[in-house]
Each structure stands twice: as C-alpha cells, then as structure tokens.
C-alpha cells in the first residue's frame, strides 16, 4: 500500500505490527497534511466488489442475447431467430439496474457440431470477454433453452467441465419458459428431477434461474441478482481470469473433441451412414 505525506522538517508515516497507521513527527516539525490512499483504494474495491460483471454464454441461437437484454432492462444486443446465430463478436453494455452497477458481455455462442477451429475461436472470444470486464467477471451465466436439451448441450457442458474453477462462477439461466404451459414451480421441479440435466446442474452446483424474455417483470432479474450476490460473497469477490480459457484447459477441451470425433467415426463404421444423416438421427434420438 502507498501512502503520501506533505511534511515540514522531519516526519514519516509507517505501519506498525498491527497494521495500523502511525504518524511520527519531531517537536519542531509542523504537520501540514497527511494524505494516504488506503481508504480511497478500499472504497474503490468495495464498489467494484458490489458490481455485477457477467459473461452471458450458450449454444448459438439459444437466446443468449435476448437474455442479456432482459437482464439489462432494455434492448441493445442484436437478436434474431432461434435458428441462426446473430452475435459474431463480444459486445459490452454497462448500466445501473436495481441499484446495482451492471456490466454484461454478450458473446458469440458455442458452435453446433465438432469444428475445432470454431471451438478455438469460441475460447478466444471468452478470453476477450474477460479482458473487457475489468477487473474480471464475477458471474458466468450459461443460457439454455428450457424447451430442449440436446447432445450439443451435453458436449458444451463436457467442454466447460475441463475449465478450472468455472463451476465456482456459473449460474444457469433456463430461458423461453414463456413457451411452457405449466407453472414455474412445476418447471423448477422437473429441472431438479431431470437425469438429462444432471451434468449441467452439477456444473453450476445446481444454481439456476428461469427466464421469460417476453416480460418486463423485474422479479426474475431480482432473483438472479440475489443468487449472484450470494455467489460473489461465497467466492470472496474472486474473479474469472483469462487463464480459465487458455493453456492446459484448452488441451483438455481438445481431448474431449477428439474423443467425440472418434465416437462419430466408430458409429459411421457400424451403421454405414453419412455423417450428416447420422448426426440428424442421433440428435432426434438424443444419443451419442
């Protein structure tokens, strides 16, 4: 910690063994002013620790940008149909929301399929998102459509599982609950009891919220903020770093990719189907 002192004659500022500030001056000296940055820096830290800095992420076309807009309370991130990815680069937006300083980075989605080049690009984008959210994101919001959980989602979860500490910061946002003809309490019960969602919920330590991107009701945002604040306190204000999405973690992700590609090759040898046809069959049956 740095301290500054305006001094006349002999004076010095030090910290004693109990980490208290001690100011000494000789009898002839006149203490004019002592200015130190300890309080200012800690106020800054407290402000930043109370900020919400969120990366929103998910499968391409799953409503990641729409969910980001709902959390912000206004439309700024580009959105499109559920069948195509609109976001091609990281976009940042900062606002005051429910008495909180909120910053969100909208990211290009996790690619559908097994394209290693696109996966490399995905993690490059995530590293860039971390840089944008100085001093670093404290929430990783994983957006998943409540309507359908496919093998692509399972593959995304298996890739994310390779990233050290990602689970500590992850909350799952199940969106499109407006499409369901059932009460939210029933939906939450189905999610909690789902074997299919087991690995996903394990990744987030069973932290999840429900989102309806067609409503202006702020209660769902309040629920997310409360969960996020609890998680930030639990993590002692720690943050995600670029290292989470680089180095050895990427090698482990590539190992998952290679394993999946080998499974596809074996399946093609067994069934003699073209990759595109086999892929459609497996997705319909939710296998592999």
C-alpha atoms as a PDB file:
ATOM      1  CA  UNK A   1       0.000   0.000   0.000  1.00  0.00           C
ATOM      2  CA  UNK A   2       1.301   3.505  -0.890  1.00  0.00           C
ATOM      3  CA  UNK A   3       0.997   6.463   1.450  1.00  0.00           C
ATOM      4  CA  UNK A   4       1.682  10.128   0.624  1.00  0.00           C
ATOM      5  CA  UNK A   5       2.600  12.800   3.180  1.00  0.00           C
ATOM      6  CA  UNK A   6       3.091  16.534   2.964  1.00  0.00           C
ATOM      7  CA  UNK A   7       5.743  17.273   5.558  1.00  0.00           C
ATOM      8  CA  UNK A   8       7.705  20.032   7.199  1.00  0.00           C
ATOM      9  CA  UNK A   9      11.092  19.120   8.667  1.00  0.00           C
ATOM     10  CA  UNK A  10      11.181  15.516   9.860  1.00  0.00           C
ATOM     11  CA  UNK A  11       8.107  13.387   9.610  1.00  0.00           C
ATOM     12  CA  UNK A  12       7.375   9.894   8.440  1.00  0.00           C
ATOM     13  CA  UNK A  13       4.449   7.576   8.038  1.00  0.00           C
ATOM     14  CA  UNK A  14       4.680   3.884   8.740  1.00  0.00           C
ATOM     15  CA  UNK A  15       2.557   0.875   9.553  1.00  0.00           C
ATOM     16  CA  UNK A  16       3.077  -0.793  12.914  1.00  0.00           C
ATOM     17  CA  UNK A  17       2.962  -4.533  13.598  1.00  0.00           C
ATOM     18  CA  UNK A  18      -0.817  -4.422  13.989  1.00  0.00           C
ATOM     19  CA  UNK A  19      -1.233  -2.875  10.539  1.00  0.00           C
ATOM     20  CA  UNK A  20      -2.320   0.466  11.968  1.00  0.00           C
ATOM     21  CA  UNK A  21      -1.265   3.821  10.536  1.00  0.00           C
ATOM     22  CA  UNK A  22       1.310   5.603  12.744  1.00  0.00           C
ATOM     23  CA  UNK A  23       2.391   9.177  12.083  1.00  0.00           C
ATOM     24  CA  UNK A  24       5.576  10.469  13.723  1.00  0.00           C
ATOM     25  CA  UNK A  25       6.990  13.976  13.689  1.00  0.00           C
ATOM     26  CA  UNK A  26       9.670  15.796  15.696  1.00  0.00           C
ATOM     27  CA  UNK A  27       8.823  18.677  18.017  1.00  0.00           C
ATOM     28  CA  UNK A  28       9.965  21.344  15.601  1.00  0.00           C
ATOM     29  CA  UNK A  29       8.109  19.952  12.659  1.00  0.00           C
ATOM     30  CA  UNK A  30       4.696  21.151  11.663  1.00  0.00           C
ATOM     31  CA  UNK A  31       2.309  18.544  10.405  1.00  0.00           C
ATOM     32  CA  UNK A  32       0.506  20.138   7.486  1.00  0.00           C
ATOM     33  CA  UNK A  33      -1.416  17.317   5.897  1.00  0.00           C
ATOM     34  CA  UNK A  34      -1.180  13.577   5.576  1.00  0.00           C
ATOM     35  CA  UNK A  35      -2.940  12.045   2.641  1.00  0.00           C
ATOM     36  CA  UNK A  36      -2.993   8.309   2.142  1.00  0.00           C
ATOM     37  CA  UNK A  37      -4.737   6.190  -0.434  1.00  0.00           C
ATOM     38  CA  UNK A  38      -5.659   3.326   1.845  1.00  0.00           C
ATOM     39  CA  UNK A  39      -9.262   4.425   2.336  1.00  0.00           C
ATOM     40  CA  UNK A  40      -9.751   5.528  -1.261  1.00  0.00           C
ATOM     41  CA  UNK A  41      -8.449   2.258  -2.659  1.00  0.00           C
ATOM     42  CA  UNK A  42     -10.609   0.216  -0.327  1.00  0.00           C
ATOM     43  CA  UNK A  43     -13.712   2.250  -1.209  1.00  0.00           C
ATOM     44  CA  UNK A  44     -12.923   1.541  -4.862  1.00  0.00           C
ATOM     45  CA  UNK A  45     -12.557  -2.159  -4.085  1.00  0.00           C
ATOM     46  CA  UNK A  46     -15.869  -2.200  -2.222  1.00  0.00           C
ATOM     47  CA  UNK A  47     -17.609  -0.535  -5.154  1.00  0.00           C
ATOM     48  CA  UNK A  48     -16.142  -2.976  -7.652  1.00  0.00           C
ATOM     49  CA  UNK A  49     -16.918  -5.972  -5.433  1.00  0.00           C
ATOM     50  CA  UNK A  50     -20.590  -4.912  -5.341  1.00  0.00           C
ATOM     51  CA  UNK A  51     -20.716  -4.570  -9.136  1.00  0.00           C
ATOM     52  CA  UNK A  52     -22.138  -7.373 -11.251  1.00  0.00           C
ATOM     53  CA  UNK A  53     -19.878  -8.236 -14.183  1.00  0.00           C
ATOM     54  CA  UNK A  54     -21.485 -11.008 -16.192  1.00  0.00           C
ATOM     55  CA  UNK A  55     -20.450 -13.055 -19.211  1.00  0.00           C
ATOM     56  CA  UNK A  56     -23.530 -14.474 -20.946  1.00  0.00           C
ATOM     57  CA  UNK A  57     -22.837 -17.597 -22.980  1.00  0.00           C
ATOM     58  CA  UNK A  58     -24.626 -20.554 -24.521  1.00  0.00           C
ATOM     59  CA  UNK A  59     -25.298 -22.592 -27.643  1.00  0.00           C
ATOM     60  CA  UNK A  60     -25.607 -20.497 -30.814  1.00  0.00           C
ATOM     61  CA  UNK A  61     -29.196 -19.449 -31.390  1.00  0.00           C
ATOM     62  CA  UNK A  62     -30.385 -20.284 -27.866  1.00  0.00           C
ATOM     63  CA  UNK A  63     -31.411 -16.765 -26.880  1.00  0.00           C
ATOM     64  CA  UNK A  64     -28.212 -15.627 -25.180  1.00  0.00           C
ATOM     65  CA  UNK A  65     -28.502 -12.032 -26.440  1.00  0.00           C
ATOM     66  CA  UNK A  66     -32.218 -11.838 -25.600  1.00  0.00           C
ATOM     67  CA  UNK A  67     -31.490 -12.953 -22.057  1.00  0.00           C
ATOM     68  CA  UNK A  68     -28.778 -10.319 -21.776  1.00  0.00           C
ATOM     69  CA  UNK A  69     -31.268  -7.667 -22.897  1.00  0.00           C
ATOM     70  CA  UNK A  70     -33.823  -8.858 -20.344  1.00  0.00           C
ATOM     71  CA  UNK A  71     -31.267  -8.561 -17.543  1.00  0.00           C
ATOM     72  CA  UNK A  72     -30.293  -5.053 -18.685  1.00  0.00           C
ATOM     73  CA  UNK A  73     -33.929  -3.985 -18.933  1.00  0.00           C
ATOM     74  CA  UNK A  74     -33.676  -2.680 -22.486  1.00  0.00           C
ATOM     75  CA  UNK A  75     -32.758  -3.873 -25.972  1.00  0.00           C
ATOM     76  CA  UNK A  76     -29.130  -3.336 -27.011  1.00  0.00           C
ATOM     77  CA  UNK A  77     -27.694  -6.714 -28.012  1.00  0.00           C
ATOM     78  CA  UNK A  78     -28.653  -7.844 -31.513  1.00  0.00           C
ATOM     79  CA  UNK A  79     -31.151 -10.703 -31.628  1.00  0.00           C
ATOM     80  CA  UNK A  80     -32.610 -12.910 -34.351  1.00  0.00           C
ATOM     81  CA  UNK A  81     -34.412 -16.186 -34.868  1.00  0.00           C
ATOM     82  CA  UNK A  82     -33.710 -19.282 -32.824  1.00  0.00           C
ATOM     83  CA  UNK A  83     -32.335 -20.980 -35.933  1.00  0.00           C
ATOM     84  CA  UNK A  84     -29.356 -18.734 -36.534  1.00  0.00           C
ATOM     85  CA  UNK A  85     -26.541 -17.090 -34.598  1.00  0.00           C
ATOM     86  CA  UNK A  86     -26.623 -13.274 -34.731  1.00  0.00           C
ATOM     87  CA  UNK A  87     -23.777 -12.354 -32.378  1.00  0.00           C
ATOM     88  CA  UNK A  88     -20.405 -12.635 -34.117  1.00  0.00           C
ATOM     89  CA  UNK A  89     -18.225 -10.683 -31.673  1.00  0.00           C
ATOM     90  CA  UNK A  90     -18.201  -9.773 -27.995  1.00  0.00           C
ATOM     91  CA  UNK A  91     -20.340  -6.749 -27.116  1.00  0.00           C
ATOM     92  CA  UNK A  92     -20.325  -4.930 -23.779  1.00  0.00           C
ATOM     93  CA  UNK A  93     -23.007  -2.836 -22.082  1.00  0.00           C
ATOM     94  CA  UNK A  94     -22.989  -1.119 -18.669  1.00  0.00           C
ATOM     95  CA  UNK A  95     -25.977   0.294 -16.804  1.00  0.00           C
ATOM     96  CA  UNK A  96     -27.479   0.874 -13.361  1.00  0.00           C
ATOM     97  CA  UNK A  97     -30.044  -1.816 -12.651  1.00  0.00           C
ATOM     98  CA  UNK A  98     -31.957  -2.336  -9.395  1.00  0.00           C
ATOM     99  CA  UNK A  99     -29.415  -0.172  -7.526  1.00  0.00           C
ATOM    100  CA  UNK A 100     -26.526  -2.227  -8.896  1.00  0.00           C
ATOM    101  CA  UNK A 101     -23.843  -1.266 -11.376  1.00  0.00           C
ATOM    102  CA  UNK A 102     -24.267  -3.952 -14.017  1.00  0.00           C
ATOM    103  CA  UNK A 103     -21.937  -4.803 -16.879  1.00  0.00           C
ATOM    104  CA  UNK A 104     -22.705  -7.593 -19.324  1.00  0.00           C
ATOM    105  CA  UNK A 105     -20.647  -9.002 -22.177  1.00  0.00           C
ATOM    106  CA  UNK A 106     -22.693 -10.757 -24.833  1.00  0.00           C
ATOM    107  CA  UNK A 107     -20.609 -13.466 -26.527  1.00  0.00           C
ATOM    108  CA  UNK A 108     -20.810 -15.469 -29.768  1.00  0.00           C
ATOM    109  CA  UNK A 109     -22.380 -18.816 -28.987  1.00  0.00           C
ATOM    110  CA  UNK A 110     -20.868 -22.242 -28.526  1.00  0.00           C
ATOM    111  CA  UNK A 111     -20.725 -23.811 -32.023  1.00  0.00           C
ATOM    112  CA  UNK A 112     -23.072 -26.596 -33.006  1.00  0.00           C
ATOM    113  CA  UNK A 113     -21.037 -29.569 -34.227  1.00  0.00           C
ATOM    114  CA  UNK A 114     -17.399 -30.509 -33.743  1.00  0.00           C
ATOM    115  CA  UNK A 115     -15.443 -27.861 -35.630  1.00  0.00           C
ATOM    116  CA  UNK A 116     -12.146 -27.468 -33.730  1.00  0.00           C
ATOM    117  CA  UNK A 117     -11.398 -24.160 -35.429  1.00  0.00           C
ATOM    118  CA  UNK A 118     -14.698 -22.689 -34.287  1.00  0.00           C
ATOM    119  CA  UNK A 119     -14.091 -24.017 -30.784  1.00  0.00           C
ATOM    120  CA  UNK A 120     -10.707 -22.286 -30.691  1.00  0.00           C
ATOM    121  CA  UNK A 121     -12.445 -19.103 -31.791  1.00  0.00           C
ATOM    122  CA  UNK A 122     -15.043 -19.571 -29.037  1.00  0.00           C
ATOM    123  CA  UNK A 123     -12.428 -19.686 -26.302  1.00  0.00           C
ATOM    124  CA  UNK A 124     -10.575 -16.774 -27.871  1.00  0.00           C
ATOM    125  CA  UNK A 125     -13.831 -14.804 -27.584  1.00  0.00           C
ATOM    126  CA  UNK A 126     -14.225 -15.824 -23.950  1.00  0.00           C
ATOM    127  CA  UNK A 127     -10.696 -14.648 -23.154  1.00  0.00           C
ATOM    128  CA  UNK A 128     -11.532 -11.356 -24.843  1.00  0.00           C
ATOM    129  CA  UNK A 129     -14.736 -11.095 -22.773  1.00  0.00           C
ATOM    130  CA  UNK A 130     -12.682 -11.458 -19.589  1.00  0.00           C
ATOM    131  CA  UNK A 131     -10.425  -8.570 -20.691  1.00  0.00           C
ATOM    132  CA  UNK A 132     -13.444  -6.387 -21.407  1.00  0.00           C
ATOM    133  CA  UNK A 133     -14.876  -6.903 -17.917  1.00  0.00           C
ATOM    134  CA  UNK A 134     -12.041  -5.256 -15.982  1.00  0.00           C
ATOM    135  CA  UNK A 135     -11.002  -6.251 -13.322  1.00  0.00           C
ATOM    136  CA  UNK A 136     -12.706  -9.508 -14.338  1.00  0.00           C
ATOM    137  CA  UNK A 137     -16.133 -11.186 -14.499  1.00  0.00           C
ATOM    138  CA  UNK A 138     -17.645 -12.462 -11.279  1.00  0.00           C
ATOM    139  CA  UNK A 139     -20.552 -14.359 -12.872  1.00  0.00           C
ATOM    140  CA  UNK A 140     -20.596 -16.799 -15.804  1.00  0.00           C
ATOM    141  CA  UNK A 141     -24.220 -17.051 -16.942  1.00  0.00           C
ATOM    142  CA  UNK A 142     -24.870 -20.126 -19.049  1.00  0.00           C
ATOM    143  CA  UNK A 143     -28.064 -19.712 -21.086  1.00  0.00           C
ATOM    144  CA  UNK A 144     -30.034 -22.851 -22.005  1.00  0.00           C
ATOM    145  CA  UNK A 145     -33.447 -23.147 -23.615  1.00  0.00           C
ATOM    146  CA  UNK A 146     -35.866 -24.907 -21.287  1.00  0.00           C
ATOM    147  CA  UNK A 147     -37.662 -26.369 -24.318  1.00  0.00           C
ATOM    148  CA  UNK A 148     -34.938 -28.726 -25.475  1.00  0.00           C
ATOM    149  CA  UNK A 149     -31.628 -30.076 -24.180  1.00  0.00           C
ATOM    150  CA  UNK A 150     -29.665 -31.756 -26.972  1.00  0.00           C
ATOM    151  CA  UNK A 151     -26.416 -33.640 -27.411  1.00  0.00           C
ATOM    152  CA  UNK A 152     -24.820 -30.336 -28.440  1.00  0.00           C
ATOM    153  CA  UNK A 153     -25.640 -29.013 -24.975  1.00  0.00           C
ATOM    154  CA  UNK A 154     -24.118 -32.095 -23.363  1.00  0.00           C
ATOM    155  CA  UNK A 155     -20.994 -31.622 -25.458  1.00  0.00           C
ATOM    156  CA  UNK A 156     -20.771 -27.967 -24.401  1.00  0.00           C
ATOM    157  CA  UNK A 157     -21.078 -28.971 -20.742  1.00  0.00           C
ATOM    158  CA  UNK A 158     -18.337 -31.594 -21.115  1.00  0.00           C
ATOM    159  CA  UNK A 159     -16.058 -28.954 -22.658  1.00  0.00           C
ATOM    160  CA  UNK A 160     -16.792 -26.441 -19.900  1.00  0.00           C
ATOM    161  CA  UNK A 161     -16.097 -29.096 -17.266  1.00  0.00           C
ATOM    162  CA  UNK A 162     -12.458 -29.032 -18.367  1.00  0.00           C
ATOM    163  CA  UNK A 163     -12.075 -25.375 -17.352  1.00  0.00           C
ATOM    164  CA  UNK A 164     -10.616 -24.934 -13.894  1.00  0.00           C
ATOM    165  CA  UNK A 165     -12.870 -23.125 -11.398  1.00  0.00           C
ATOM    166  CA  UNK A 166     -15.551 -22.330 -13.993  1.00  0.00           C
ATOM    167  CA  UNK A 167     -18.121 -24.079 -11.804  1.00  0.00           C
ATOM    168  CA  UNK A 168     -17.485 -21.588  -8.976  1.00  0.00           C
ATOM    169  CA  UNK A 169     -18.860 -18.748 -11.093  1.00  0.00           C
ATOM    170  CA  UNK A 170     -21.578 -20.491 -13.114  1.00  0.00           C
ATOM    171  CA  UNK A 171     -25.312 -19.887 -12.914  1.00  0.00           C
ATOM    172  CA  UNK A 172     -27.639 -21.487 -15.474  1.00  0.00           C
ATOM    173  CA  UNK A 173     -30.448 -19.365 -16.938  1.00  0.00           C
ATOM    174  CA  UNK A 174     -33.205 -21.514 -18.445  1.00  0.00           C
ATOM    175  CA  UNK A 175     -34.943 -19.191 -20.892  1.00  0.00           C
ATOM    176  CA  UNK A 176     -38.113 -19.451 -23.003  1.00  0.00           C
ATOM    177  CA  UNK A 177     -40.199 -20.522 -20.008  1.00  0.00           C
ATOM    178  CA  UNK A 178     -42.998 -18.498 -21.639  1.00  0.00           C
ATOM    179  CA  UNK A 179     -43.325 -21.359 -24.151  1.00  0.00           C
ATOM    180  CA  UNK A 180     -44.298 -23.836 -21.438  1.00  0.00           C
ATOM    181  CA  UNK A 181     -47.899 -24.445 -20.406  1.00  0.00           C
ATOM    182  CA  UNK A 182     -47.120 -25.045 -16.750  1.00  0.00           C
ATOM    183  CA  UNK A 183     -46.390 -23.133 -13.556  1.00  0.00           C
ATOM    184  CA  UNK A 184     -42.812 -22.076 -12.861  1.00  0.00           C
ATOM    185  CA  UNK A 185     -42.784 -24.153  -9.686  1.00  0.00           C
ATOM    186  CA  UNK A 186     -43.602 -27.232 -11.764  1.00  0.00           C
ATOM    187  CA  UNK A 187     -40.837 -26.386 -14.247  1.00  0.00           C
ATOM    188  CA  UNK A 188     -38.309 -25.985 -11.420  1.00  0.00           C
ATOM    189  CA  UNK A 189     -39.330 -29.348 -10.015  1.00  0.00           C
ATOM    190  CA  UNK A 190     -38.910 -31.025 -13.419  1.00  0.00           C
ATOM    191  CA  UNK A 191     -35.470 -29.455 -13.830  1.00  0.00           C
ATOM    192  CA  UNK A 192     -34.314 -30.549 -10.385  1.00  0.00           C
ATOM    193  CA  UNK A 193     -35.508 -34.116 -11.004  1.00  0.00           C
ATOM    194  CA  UNK A 194     -34.157 -34.416 -14.549  1.00  0.00           C
ATOM    195  CA  UNK A 195     -31.465 -37.031 -15.145  1.00  0.00           C
ATOM    196  CA  UNK A 196     -30.732 -35.494 -18.556  1.00  0.00           C
ATOM    197  CA  UNK A 197     -29.734 -32.198 -16.927  1.00  0.00           C
ATOM    198  CA  UNK A 198     -27.580 -33.893 -14.297  1.00  0.00           C
ATOM    199  CA  UNK A 199     -24.160 -32.830 -15.625  1.00  0.00           C
ATOM    200  CA  UNK A 200     -25.367 -29.327 -16.415  1.00  0.00           C
ATOM    201  CA  UNK A 201     -26.695 -28.812 -12.892  1.00  0.00           C
ATOM    202  CA  UNK A 202     -23.530 -30.315 -11.454  1.00  0.00           C
ATOM    203  CA  UNK A 203     -21.503 -27.756 -13.413  1.00  0.00           C
ATOM    204  CA  UNK A 204     -23.458 -24.920 -11.776  1.00  0.00           C
ATOM    205  CA  UNK A 205     -23.704 -26.614  -8.352  1.00  0.00           C
ATOM    206  CA  UNK A 206     -27.466 -26.676  -9.028  1.00  0.00           C
ATOM    207  CA  UNK A 207     -27.698 -22.879  -9.262  1.00  0.00           C
ATOM    208  CA  UNK A 208     -30.293 -21.929 -11.877  1.00  0.00           C
ATOM    209  CA  UNK A 209     -32.963 -19.356 -12.632  1.00  0.00           C
ATOM    210  CA  UNK A 210     -35.924 -19.272 -15.014  1.00  0.00           C
ATOM    211  CA  UNK A 211     -36.215 -16.512 -17.604  1.00  0.00           C
ATOM    212  CA  UNK A 212     -39.069 -15.235 -19.724  1.00  0.00           C
ATOM    213  CA  UNK A 213     -37.610 -12.801 -22.248  1.00  0.00           C
ATOM    214  CA  UNK A 214     -41.086 -11.590 -23.288  1.00  0.00           C
ATOM    215  CA  UNK A 215     -41.980  -9.957 -19.967  1.00  0.00           C
ATOM    216  CA  UNK A 216     -40.907  -6.770 -18.222  1.00  0.00           C
ATOM    217  CA  UNK A 217     -41.464  -8.300 -14.770  1.00  0.00           C
ATOM    218  CA  UNK A 218     -38.332  -7.499 -12.755  1.00  0.00           C
ATOM    219  CA  UNK A 219     -38.783 -10.306 -10.221  1.00  0.00           C
ATOM    220  CA  UNK A 220     -36.779 -12.764 -12.339  1.00  0.00           C
ATOM    221  CA  UNK A 221     -33.916 -10.252 -12.548  1.00  0.00           C
ATOM    222  CA  UNK A 222     -34.068  -9.696  -8.770  1.00  0.00           C
ATOM    223  CA  UNK A 223     -33.870 -13.460  -8.264  1.00  0.00           C
ATOM    224  CA  UNK A 224     -30.786 -13.633 -10.478  1.00  0.00           C
ATOM    225  CA  UNK A 225     -29.142 -10.699  -8.688  1.00  0.00           C
ATOM    226  CA  UNK A 226     -29.761 -12.263  -5.266  1.00  0.00           C
ATOM    227  CA  UNK A 227     -28.250 -15.548  -6.399  1.00  0.00           C
ATOM    228  CA  UNK A 228     -25.307 -13.716  -7.994  1.00  0.00           C
ATOM    229  CA  UNK A 229     -24.667 -11.655  -4.852  1.00  0.00           C
ATOM    230  CA  UNK A 230     -24.680 -14.797  -2.703  1.00  0.00           C
ATOM    231  CA  UNK A 231     -22.238 -16.455  -5.096  1.00  0.00           C
ATOM    232  CA  UNK A 232     -19.908 -13.442  -5.127  1.00  0.00           C
ATOM    233  CA  UNK A 233     -19.826 -13.439  -1.319  1.00  0.00           C
ATOM    234  CA  UNK A 234     -19.196 -17.177  -1.293  1.00  0.00           C
ATOM    235  CA  UNK A 235     -16.275 -16.677  -3.695  1.00  0.00           C
ATOM    236  CA  UNK A 236     -14.887 -13.831  -1.549  1.00  0.00           C
ATOM    237  CA  UNK A 237     -15.109 -11.430  -4.518  1.00  0.00           C
ATOM    238  CA  UNK A 238     -12.773 -13.566  -6.630  1.00  0.00           C
ATOM    239  CA  UNK A 239     -12.961 -13.291 -10.418  1.00  0.00           C
ATOM    240  CA  UNK A 240     -12.596 -15.349 -13.556  1.00  0.00           C
ATOM    241  CA  UNK A 241      -9.281 -14.863 -15.346  1.00  0.00           C
ATOM    242  CA  UNK A 242      -8.067 -15.328 -18.907  1.00  0.00           C
ATOM    243  CA  UNK A 243      -6.204 -18.416 -17.707  1.00  0.00           C
ATOM    244  CA  UNK A 244      -9.524 -20.190 -17.221  1.00  0.00           C
ATOM    245  CA  UNK A 245      -9.970 -20.264 -21.004  1.00  0.00           C
ATOM    246  CA  UNK A 246      -6.404 -20.945 -22.125  1.00  0.00           C
ATOM    247  CA  UNK A 247      -3.360 -23.174 -21.663  1.00  0.00           C
ATOM    248  CA  UNK A 248      -3.836 -26.686 -20.368  1.00  0.00           C
ATOM    249  CA  UNK A 249      -7.618 -26.258 -20.161  1.00  0.00           C
ATOM    250  CA  UNK A 250      -7.833 -25.873 -23.941  1.00  0.00           C
ATOM    251  CA  UNK A 251      -5.737 -29.009 -24.413  1.00  0.00           C
ATOM    252  CA  UNK A 252      -8.228 -30.882 -22.243  1.00  0.00           C
ATOM    253  CA  UNK A 253     -11.130 -29.465 -24.260  1.00  0.00           C
ATOM    254  CA  UNK A 254      -9.449 -30.615 -27.474  1.00  0.00           C
ATOM    255  CA  UNK A 255      -9.140 -34.087 -25.938  1.00  0.00           C
ATOM    256  CA  UNK A 256     -12.918 -34.087 -25.413  1.00  0.00           C
ATOM    257  CA  UNK A 257     -13.385 -33.004 -29.033  1.00  0.00           C
ATOM    258  CA  UNK A 258     -11.081 -35.744 -30.320  1.00  0.00           C
ATOM    259  CA  UNK A 259     -12.918 -38.348 -28.264  1.00  0.00           C
ATOM    260  CA  UNK A 260     -16.255 -37.243 -29.668  1.00  0.00           C
ATOM    261  CA  UNK A 261     -14.912 -37.314 -33.224  1.00  0.00           C
ATOM    262  CA  UNK A 262     -13.667 -40.868 -32.643  1.00  0.00           C
ATOM    263  CA  UNK A 263     -17.130 -41.863 -31.413  1.00  0.00           C
ATOM    264  CA  UNK A 264     -18.650 -40.460 -34.608  1.00  0.00           C
ATOM    265  CA  UNK A 265     -16.185 -42.389 -36.755  1.00  0.00           C
ATOM    266  CA  UNK A 266     -16.934 -45.616 -34.915  1.00  0.00           C
ATOM    267  CA  UNK A 267     -20.669 -45.028 -35.272  1.00  0.00           C
ATOM    268  CA  UNK A 268     -20.301 -44.410 -39.004  1.00  0.00           C
ATOM    269  CA  UNK A 269     -18.342 -47.635 -39.387  1.00  0.00           C
ATOM    270  CA  UNK A 270     -21.044 -49.558 -37.533  1.00  0.00           C
ATOM    271  CA  UNK A 271     -24.093 -48.022 -39.226  1.00  0.00           C
ATOM    272  CA  UNK A 272     -22.557 -47.083 -42.572  1.00  0.00           C
ATOM    273  CA  UNK A 273     -24.405 -43.781 -42.593  1.00  0.00           C
ATOM    274  CA  UNK A 274     -23.276 -40.481 -43.975  1.00  0.00           C
ATOM    275  CA  UNK A 275     -22.169 -38.059 -41.230  1.00  0.00           C
ATOM    276  CA  UNK A 276     -24.999 -35.569 -41.851  1.00  0.00           C
ATOM    277  CA  UNK A 277     -27.667 -38.269 -41.816  1.00  0.00           C
ATOM    278  CA  UNK A 278     -26.169 -39.998 -38.785  1.00  0.00           C
ATOM    279  CA  UNK A 279     -25.957 -36.691 -36.962  1.00  0.00           C
ATOM    280  CA  UNK A 280     -29.647 -35.956 -37.582  1.00  0.00           C
ATOM    281  CA  UNK A 281     -30.665 -39.428 -36.426  1.00  0.00           C
ATOM    282  CA  UNK A 282     -28.579 -39.210 -33.263  1.00  0.00           C
ATOM    283  CA  UNK A 283     -29.940 -35.786 -32.390  1.00  0.00           C
ATOM    284  CA  UNK A 284     -33.521 -36.935 -32.872  1.00  0.00           C
ATOM    285  CA  UNK A 285     -32.869 -39.903 -30.613  1.00  0.00           C
ATOM    286  CA  UNK A 286     -30.649 -37.880 -28.259  1.00  0.00           C
ATOM    287  CA  UNK A 287     -27.837 -40.436 -28.366  1.00  0.00           C
ATOM    288  CA  UNK A 288     -24.015 -40.328 -28.537  1.00  0.00           C
END
